Amino acid sequence: MLNHILSELAQQIPLQRKTGAFFSAFDAKGKLLASNGVIKTNRTLEHLIQSFYFGLLKKIEPQIKSLVFDIVEDIRLQNDPNVLIKLPLEQYGLFLVEGEGQNSGVLLPNTQGISTIQEALAAIKKKYTLKNQVSVYVFRTKKIHITF
């Protein structure tokens, strides 16, 4: 499975690139089995994928029928509410950082059930229990589907 993942990803993106990535693993019925990710890293994509595999995916490998990877394309600080209110959430994800960075939360682009920036911010703050003022980063990803 690991070789198949790396081979599929390498066809679309350089594996030596240092970038964040997220994955979602699904069973044959489309049920989410696991998800995880890193928004920013100094490690290569290849190393990150290997960490995902040996840390989590290998344990559930027999159940996995498809994986969706979101490879972080770009990320930038965006605290201007006038820009955020117009942000197309089907194309952009949000990364919130509270205070000095001790707590943070993320919402991937095109998340089901989220259609406004207000819903997105509320969902992230609730899930990650962010109570103080946050810095808002926006990011885009390249979505890659892999089936087994």
N, C-alpha and C. Protein backbone atom coordinates (compact mmCIF):
# COMPACT_ATOMS: atom_id res chain seq x y z
N MET A 1 0.82 -1.19 0.00
CA MET A 1 0.00 0.00 0.00
C MET A 1 0.87 1.26 0.00
N LEU A 2 1.90 1.30 0.83
CA LEU A 2 2.75 2.49 0.90
C LEU A 2 3.36 2.81 -0.46
N ASN A 3 3.88 1.80 -1.14
CA ASN A 3 4.48 2.03 -2.45
C ASN A 3 3.46 2.54 -3.46
N HIS A 4 2.24 2.01 -3.39
CA HIS A 4 1.16 2.46 -4.28
C HIS A 4 0.84 3.93 -4.02
N ILE A 5 0.75 4.30 -2.74
CA ILE A 5 0.46 5.70 -2.38
C ILE A 5 1.55 6.62 -2.92
N LEU A 6 2.81 6.28 -2.63
CA LEU A 6 3.92 7.13 -3.06
C LEU A 6 3.99 7.23 -4.58
N SER A 7 3.74 6.12 -5.27
CA SER A 7 3.75 6.12 -6.73
C SER A 7 2.66 7.03 -7.30
N GLU A 8 1.46 6.92 -6.76
CA GLU A 8 0.34 7.75 -7.23
C GLU A 8 0.60 9.23 -6.96
N LEU A 9 1.08 9.54 -5.77
CA LEU A 9 1.35 10.93 -5.43
C LEU A 9 2.47 11.51 -6.30
N ALA A 10 3.51 10.71 -6.53
CA ALA A 10 4.67 11.17 -7.30
C ALA A 10 4.30 11.55 -8.73
N GLN A 11 3.21 11.00 -9.25
CA GLN A 11 2.76 11.34 -10.60
C GLN A 11 2.19 12.76 -10.66
N GLN A 12 1.80 13.30 -9.49
CA GLN A 12 1.13 14.60 -9.48
C GLN A 12 1.87 15.69 -8.71
N ILE A 13 2.84 15.29 -7.87
CA ILE A 13 3.52 16.29 -7.04
C ILE A 13 4.90 15.76 -6.64
N PRO A 14 5.91 16.61 -6.59
CA PRO A 14 7.25 16.14 -6.20
C PRO A 14 7.27 15.67 -4.74
N LEU A 15 7.72 14.46 -4.51
CA LEU A 15 7.73 13.90 -3.15
C LEU A 15 8.80 14.54 -2.27
N GLN A 16 9.76 15.23 -2.86
CA GLN A 16 10.80 15.88 -2.06
C GLN A 16 10.39 17.29 -1.61
N ARG A 17 9.23 17.71 -2.04
CA ARG A 17 8.72 19.02 -1.64
C ARG A 17 8.40 19.02 -0.15
N LYS A 18 8.74 20.11 0.52
CA LYS A 18 8.44 20.25 1.95
C LYS A 18 7.13 21.02 2.07
N THR A 19 6.08 20.29 2.39
CA THR A 19 4.75 20.89 2.44
C THR A 19 3.86 20.12 3.39
N GLY A 20 2.82 20.76 3.84
CA GLY A 20 1.84 20.09 4.68
C GLY A 20 0.94 19.20 3.86
N ALA A 21 0.32 18.24 4.54
CA ALA A 21 -0.59 17.31 3.86
C ALA A 21 -1.58 16.75 4.87
N PHE A 22 -2.75 16.40 4.37
CA PHE A 22 -3.80 15.77 5.17
C PHE A 22 -4.28 14.54 4.42
N PHE A 23 -4.78 13.55 5.15
CA PHE A 23 -5.37 12.40 4.49
C PHE A 23 -6.67 12.03 5.17
N SER A 24 -7.54 11.41 4.41
CA SER A 24 -8.77 10.79 4.91
C SER A 24 -8.83 9.40 4.31
N ALA A 25 -9.03 8.39 5.15
CA ALA A 25 -9.10 6.99 4.71
C ALA A 25 -10.54 6.52 4.81
N PHE A 26 -11.02 5.82 3.76
CA PHE A 26 -12.40 5.37 3.70
C PHE A 26 -12.47 3.87 3.44
N ASP A 27 -13.54 3.25 3.94
CA ASP A 27 -13.76 1.82 3.68
C ASP A 27 -14.58 1.66 2.39
N ALA A 28 -14.97 0.44 2.08
CA ALA A 28 -15.69 0.13 0.84
C ALA A 28 -17.04 0.84 0.74
N LYS A 29 -17.66 1.16 1.88
CA LYS A 29 -18.97 1.83 1.88
C LYS A 29 -18.84 3.35 1.95
N GLY A 30 -17.60 3.84 1.94
CA GLY A 30 -17.38 5.28 2.00
C GLY A 30 -17.35 5.85 3.40
N LYS A 31 -17.32 4.98 4.40
CA LYS A 31 -17.27 5.43 5.79
C LYS A 31 -15.85 5.87 6.13
N LEU A 32 -15.73 7.02 6.79
CA LEU A 32 -14.43 7.53 7.20
C LEU A 32 -13.84 6.62 8.28
N LEU A 33 -12.63 6.12 8.02
CA LEU A 33 -11.93 5.26 8.97
C LEU A 33 -10.95 6.06 9.82
N ALA A 34 -10.27 7.01 9.21
CA ALA A 34 -9.26 7.80 9.91
C ALA A 34 -8.92 9.03 9.09
N SER A 35 -8.46 10.05 9.78
CA SER A 35 -7.95 11.24 9.10
C SER A 35 -6.91 11.90 10.00
N ASN A 36 -5.97 12.57 9.36
CA ASN A 36 -4.92 13.24 10.11
C ASN A 36 -4.19 14.16 9.15
N GLY A 37 -3.32 14.98 9.68
CA GLY A 37 -2.56 15.84 8.80
C GLY A 37 -1.71 16.84 9.54
N VAL A 38 -0.93 17.55 8.74
CA VAL A 38 0.00 18.56 9.22
C VAL A 38 -0.10 19.74 8.26
N ILE A 39 -0.32 20.94 8.79
CA ILE A 39 -0.48 22.11 7.93
C ILE A 39 0.86 22.62 7.40
N LYS A 40 1.89 22.60 8.26
CA LYS A 40 3.22 23.07 7.87
C LYS A 40 4.25 22.11 8.43
N THR A 41 5.34 21.91 7.69
CA THR A 41 6.38 20.99 8.15
C THR A 41 7.69 21.31 7.44
N ASN A 42 8.77 20.88 8.04
CA ASN A 42 10.08 20.96 7.39
C ASN A 42 10.46 19.63 6.76
N ARG A 43 9.58 18.65 6.88
CA ARG A 43 9.85 17.32 6.32
C ARG A 43 9.33 17.24 4.88
N THR A 44 9.93 16.35 4.12
CA THR A 44 9.47 16.16 2.74
C THR A 44 8.11 15.47 2.74
N LEU A 45 7.41 15.62 1.65
CA LEU A 45 6.11 14.96 1.50
C LEU A 45 6.28 13.44 1.62
N GLU A 46 7.34 12.90 1.05
CA GLU A 46 7.59 11.46 1.14
C GLU A 46 7.73 11.02 2.59
N HIS A 47 8.49 11.76 3.38
CA HIS A 47 8.67 11.41 4.80
C HIS A 47 7.35 11.54 5.56
N LEU A 48 6.60 12.57 5.26
CA LEU A 48 5.31 12.78 5.91
C LEU A 48 4.35 11.63 5.62
N ILE A 49 4.28 11.20 4.36
CA ILE A 49 3.40 10.09 3.98
C ILE A 49 3.85 8.80 4.67
N GLN A 50 5.14 8.57 4.75
CA GLN A 50 5.65 7.39 5.47
C GLN A 50 5.24 7.44 6.94
N SER A 51 5.31 8.61 7.55
CA SER A 51 4.89 8.76 8.95
C SER A 51 3.40 8.46 9.11
N PHE A 52 2.58 8.98 8.20
CA PHE A 52 1.14 8.68 8.23
C PHE A 52 0.92 7.17 8.13
N TYR A 53 1.63 6.55 7.20
CA TYR A 53 1.44 5.12 6.96
C TYR A 53 1.83 4.29 8.19
N PHE A 54 3.05 4.46 8.66
CA PHE A 54 3.51 3.63 9.78
C PHE A 54 2.85 4.00 11.10
N GLY A 55 2.42 5.26 11.23
CA GLY A 55 1.78 5.69 12.46
C GLY A 55 0.31 5.32 12.57
N LEU A 56 -0.38 5.19 11.45
CA LEU A 56 -1.83 4.96 11.52
C LEU A 56 -2.37 4.05 10.42
N LEU A 57 -2.04 4.35 9.18
CA LEU A 57 -2.67 3.64 8.06
C LEU A 57 -2.35 2.14 8.03
N LYS A 58 -1.14 1.77 8.37
CA LYS A 58 -0.75 0.35 8.33
C LYS A 58 -1.66 -0.50 9.22
N LYS A 59 -2.09 0.07 10.36
CA LYS A 59 -2.93 -0.66 11.32
C LYS A 59 -4.31 -0.98 10.75
N ILE A 60 -4.78 -0.14 9.85
CA ILE A 60 -6.13 -0.32 9.29
C ILE A 60 -6.09 -0.64 7.80
N GLU A 61 -4.93 -0.96 7.29
CA GLU A 61 -4.73 -1.18 5.85
C GLU A 61 -5.76 -2.13 5.22
N PRO A 62 -6.09 -3.28 5.84
CA PRO A 62 -7.05 -4.19 5.20
C PRO A 62 -8.43 -3.58 4.95
N GLN A 63 -8.81 -2.60 5.75
CA GLN A 63 -10.13 -1.98 5.62
C GLN A 63 -10.16 -0.84 4.61
N ILE A 64 -9.01 -0.27 4.30
CA ILE A 64 -8.95 0.93 3.45
C ILE A 64 -9.19 0.57 1.99
N LYS A 65 -10.18 1.24 1.40
CA LYS A 65 -10.47 1.07 -0.03
C LYS A 65 -10.17 2.33 -0.83
N SER A 66 -10.10 3.47 -0.14
CA SER A 66 -9.71 4.71 -0.82
C SER A 66 -9.11 5.69 0.17
N LEU A 67 -8.24 6.52 -0.36
CA LEU A 67 -7.61 7.60 0.41
C LEU A 67 -7.78 8.89 -0.36
N VAL A 68 -8.00 9.97 0.37
CA VAL A 68 -8.02 11.29 -0.24
C VAL A 68 -6.94 12.10 0.47
N PHE A 69 -6.00 12.62 -0.32
CA PHE A 69 -4.94 13.47 0.22
C PHE A 69 -5.22 14.90 -0.17
N ASP A 70 -5.04 15.81 0.77
CA ASP A 70 -5.07 17.24 0.52
C ASP A 70 -3.65 17.73 0.74
N ILE A 71 -2.96 18.06 -0.34
CA ILE A 71 -1.57 18.53 -0.27
C ILE A 71 -1.60 20.06 -0.24
N VAL A 72 -1.02 20.66 0.80
CA VAL A 72 -1.07 22.11 0.96
C VAL A 72 -0.27 22.78 -0.15
N GLU A 73 -0.95 23.63 -0.91
CA GLU A 73 -0.32 24.34 -2.03
C GLU A 73 0.28 25.67 -1.58
N ASP A 74 -0.48 26.44 -0.84
CA ASP A 74 0.04 27.71 -0.31
C ASP A 74 -0.74 28.07 0.94
N ILE A 75 -0.11 28.85 1.79
CA ILE A 75 -0.74 29.27 3.04
C ILE A 75 -0.29 30.69 3.33
N ARG A 76 -1.23 31.52 3.77
CA ARG A 76 -0.87 32.90 4.09
C ARG A 76 -1.77 33.45 5.19
N LEU A 77 -1.23 34.38 5.96
CA LEU A 77 -1.97 35.05 7.02
C LEU A 77 -3.02 35.95 6.38
N GLN A 78 -4.26 35.88 6.89
CA GLN A 78 -5.32 36.72 6.34
C GLN A 78 -6.30 37.07 7.47
N ASN A 79 -6.05 38.19 8.13
CA ASN A 79 -6.92 38.62 9.22
C ASN A 79 -7.91 39.71 8.82
N ASP A 80 -7.93 40.08 7.55
CA ASP A 80 -8.84 41.12 7.08
C ASP A 80 -10.25 40.54 6.92
N PRO A 81 -11.21 40.98 7.77
CA PRO A 81 -12.57 40.43 7.68
C PRO A 81 -13.23 40.67 6.33
N ASN A 82 -12.87 41.77 5.65
CA ASN A 82 -13.46 42.05 4.33
C ASN A 82 -13.03 41.03 3.29
N VAL A 83 -11.83 40.51 3.43
CA VAL A 83 -11.34 39.46 2.53
C VAL A 83 -11.94 38.11 2.94
N LEU A 84 -11.94 37.84 4.23
CA LEU A 84 -12.43 36.54 4.72
C LEU A 84 -13.90 36.32 4.38
N ILE A 85 -14.72 37.36 4.46
CA ILE A 85 -16.15 37.21 4.21
C ILE A 85 -16.43 36.77 2.77
N LYS A 86 -15.50 37.10 1.85
CA LYS A 86 -15.67 36.75 0.43
C LYS A 86 -14.92 35.49 0.04
N LEU A 87 -14.27 34.86 1.00
CA LEU A 87 -13.41 33.71 0.72
C LEU A 87 -14.23 32.51 0.23
N PRO A 88 -13.92 31.97 -0.95
CA PRO A 88 -14.64 30.78 -1.43
C PRO A 88 -14.15 29.53 -0.69
N LEU A 89 -14.96 29.06 0.26
CA LEU A 89 -14.56 27.95 1.13
C LEU A 89 -14.47 26.61 0.40
N GLU A 90 -14.98 26.55 -0.83
CA GLU A 90 -14.79 25.32 -1.61
C GLU A 90 -13.36 25.25 -2.14
N GLN A 91 -12.66 26.39 -2.16
CA GLN A 91 -11.28 26.43 -2.65
C GLN A 91 -10.25 26.63 -1.54
N TYR A 92 -10.67 27.22 -0.43
CA TYR A 92 -9.73 27.58 0.63
C TYR A 92 -10.09 26.91 1.96
N GLY A 93 -9.06 26.50 2.65
CA GLY A 93 -9.20 26.01 4.01
C GLY A 93 -8.76 27.10 4.98
N LEU A 94 -9.04 26.87 6.26
CA LEU A 94 -8.67 27.83 7.29
C LEU A 94 -7.82 27.14 8.35
N PHE A 95 -6.83 27.87 8.83
CA PHE A 95 -5.98 27.40 9.91
C PHE A 95 -5.96 28.52 10.95
N LEU A 96 -6.49 28.25 12.13
CA LEU A 96 -6.55 29.24 13.19
C LEU A 96 -5.48 28.96 14.23
N VAL A 97 -4.78 30.01 14.64
CA VAL A 97 -3.74 29.89 15.66
C VAL A 97 -4.10 30.84 16.80
N GLU A 98 -4.23 30.27 17.99
CA GLU A 98 -4.59 31.04 19.17
C GLU A 98 -3.33 31.52 19.89
N GLY A 99 -3.30 32.80 20.22
CA GLY A 99 -2.19 33.36 21.00
C GLY A 99 -0.84 33.14 20.35
N GLU A 100 0.08 32.58 21.13
CA GLU A 100 1.46 32.36 20.66
C GLU A 100 1.61 31.03 19.92
N GLY A 101 0.52 30.39 19.57
CA GLY A 101 0.59 29.17 18.78
C GLY A 101 0.46 27.89 19.57
N GLN A 102 0.13 27.99 20.86
CA GLN A 102 -0.03 26.78 21.67
C GLN A 102 -1.22 25.95 21.20
N ASN A 103 -2.28 26.60 20.79
CA ASN A 103 -3.48 25.91 20.32
C ASN A 103 -3.79 26.34 18.90
N SER A 104 -4.27 25.39 18.11
CA SER A 104 -4.62 25.71 16.73
C SER A 104 -5.68 24.73 16.24
N GLY A 105 -6.29 25.07 15.12
CA GLY A 105 -7.29 24.20 14.53
C GLY A 105 -7.36 24.44 13.03
N VAL A 106 -7.85 23.44 12.32
CA VAL A 106 -7.85 23.50 10.86
C VAL A 106 -9.19 23.03 10.29
N LEU A 107 -9.56 23.59 9.15
CA LEU A 107 -10.73 23.17 8.39
C LEU A 107 -10.28 23.10 6.93
N LEU A 108 -10.42 21.94 6.32
CA LEU A 108 -9.98 21.76 4.94
C LEU A 108 -10.93 22.44 3.96
N PRO A 109 -10.43 22.75 2.75
CA PRO A 109 -11.31 23.31 1.73
C PRO A 109 -12.46 22.36 1.41
N ASN A 110 -13.60 22.95 1.07
CA ASN A 110 -14.77 22.20 0.61
C ASN A 110 -15.27 21.19 1.64
N THR A 111 -15.27 21.60 2.91
CA THR A 111 -15.77 20.73 3.98
C THR A 111 -17.29 20.70 3.94
N GLN A 112 -17.85 19.50 3.93
CA GLN A 112 -19.30 19.31 3.86
C GLN A 112 -19.99 20.01 5.04
N GLY A 113 -21.09 20.69 4.76
CA GLY A 113 -21.89 21.32 5.80
C GLY A 113 -21.42 22.70 6.21
N ILE A 114 -20.34 23.19 5.62
CA ILE A 114 -19.82 24.52 5.94
C ILE A 114 -19.91 25.38 4.68
N SER A 115 -20.69 26.47 4.76
CA SER A 115 -20.84 27.29 3.56
C SER A 115 -20.49 28.76 3.78
N THR A 116 -20.34 29.19 5.04
CA THR A 116 -19.99 30.59 5.30
C THR A 116 -18.76 30.65 6.19
N ILE A 117 -18.09 31.80 6.14
CA ILE A 117 -16.91 31.99 6.97
C ILE A 117 -17.28 31.93 8.45
N GLN A 118 -18.47 32.43 8.79
CA GLN A 118 -18.92 32.39 10.18
C GLN A 118 -19.07 30.94 10.66
N GLU A 119 -19.68 30.10 9.82
CA GLU A 119 -19.82 28.67 10.17
C GLU A 119 -18.45 28.01 10.31
N ALA A 120 -17.55 28.36 9.41
CA ALA A 120 -16.21 27.77 9.43
C ALA A 120 -15.47 28.14 10.71
N LEU A 121 -15.45 29.42 11.03
CA LEU A 121 -14.75 29.87 12.24
C LEU A 121 -15.36 29.25 13.50
N ALA A 122 -16.69 29.23 13.56
CA ALA A 122 -17.37 28.64 14.72
C ALA A 122 -17.06 27.16 14.85
N ALA A 123 -17.06 26.43 13.74
CA ALA A 123 -16.78 24.99 13.77
C ALA A 123 -15.36 24.70 14.25
N ILE A 124 -14.40 25.47 13.76
CA ILE A 124 -13.00 25.26 14.17
C ILE A 124 -12.84 25.59 15.64
N LYS A 125 -13.37 26.72 16.06
CA LYS A 125 -13.22 27.13 17.47
C LYS A 125 -13.86 26.11 18.41
N LYS A 126 -15.01 25.58 18.02
CA LYS A 126 -15.69 24.59 18.87
C LYS A 126 -14.90 23.28 18.92
N LYS A 127 -14.52 22.76 17.76
CA LYS A 127 -13.83 21.47 17.71
C LYS A 127 -12.50 21.49 18.46
N TYR A 128 -11.77 22.60 18.34
CA TYR A 128 -10.43 22.68 18.94
C TYR A 128 -10.42 23.50 20.23
N THR A 129 -11.60 23.85 20.73
CA THR A 129 -11.77 24.66 21.96
C THR A 129 -10.85 25.88 21.98
N LEU A 130 -10.94 26.66 20.93
CA LEU A 130 -10.19 27.92 20.85
C LEU A 130 -11.09 29.02 21.40
N LYS A 131 -10.66 29.64 22.49
CA LYS A 131 -11.52 30.61 23.17
C LYS A 131 -11.02 32.04 23.05
N ASN A 132 -9.74 32.22 22.79
CA ASN A 132 -9.15 33.55 22.72
C ASN A 132 -9.06 34.03 21.28
N GLN A 133 -8.51 35.22 21.11
CA GLN A 133 -8.34 35.78 19.77
C GLN A 133 -7.40 34.88 18.96
N VAL A 134 -7.70 34.75 17.68
CA VAL A 134 -6.91 33.87 16.81
C VAL A 134 -6.36 34.65 15.62
N SER A 135 -5.26 34.15 15.08
CA SER A 135 -4.77 34.59 13.78
C SER A 135 -5.33 33.61 12.76
N VAL A 136 -5.77 34.14 11.63
CA VAL A 136 -6.40 33.31 10.60
C VAL A 136 -5.46 33.18 9.40
N TYR A 137 -5.17 31.95 9.06
CA TYR A 137 -4.39 31.65 7.86
C TYR A 137 -5.33 30.97 6.87
N VAL A 138 -5.19 31.31 5.61
CA VAL A 138 -5.97 30.66 4.56
C VAL A 138 -5.01 29.85 3.70
N PHE A 139 -5.50 28.72 3.21
CA PHE A 139 -4.64 27.87 2.39
C PHE A 139 -5.45 27.15 1.34
N ARG A 140 -4.75 26.77 0.27
CA ARG A 140 -5.35 25.95 -0.78
C ARG A 140 -4.64 24.61 -0.81
N THR A 141 -5.35 23.60 -1.28
CA THR A 141 -4.75 22.28 -1.37
C THR A 141 -4.98 21.69 -2.76
N LYS A 142 -4.14 20.74 -3.08
CA LYS A 142 -4.35 19.90 -4.27
C LYS A 142 -4.91 18.59 -3.74
N LYS A 143 -6.09 18.23 -4.20
CA LYS A 143 -6.77 17.02 -3.74
C LYS A 143 -6.40 15.86 -4.66
N ILE A 144 -5.95 14.76 -4.05
CA ILE A 144 -5.55 13.58 -4.82
C ILE A 144 -6.28 12.36 -4.26
N HIS A 145 -7.04 11.67 -5.11
CA HIS A 145 -7.80 10.48 -4.72
C HIS A 145 -7.02 9.23 -5.15
N ILE A 146 -6.92 8.28 -4.23
CA ILE A 146 -6.24 7.01 -4.53
C ILE A 146 -7.18 5.88 -4.12
N THR A 147 -7.38 4.92 -5.01
CA THR A 147 -8.23 3.77 -4.70
C THR A 147 -7.39 2.50 -4.70
N PHE A 148 -7.91 1.50 -3.99
CA PHE A 148 -7.21 0.21 -3.86
C PHE A 148 -8.12 -0.92 -4.29
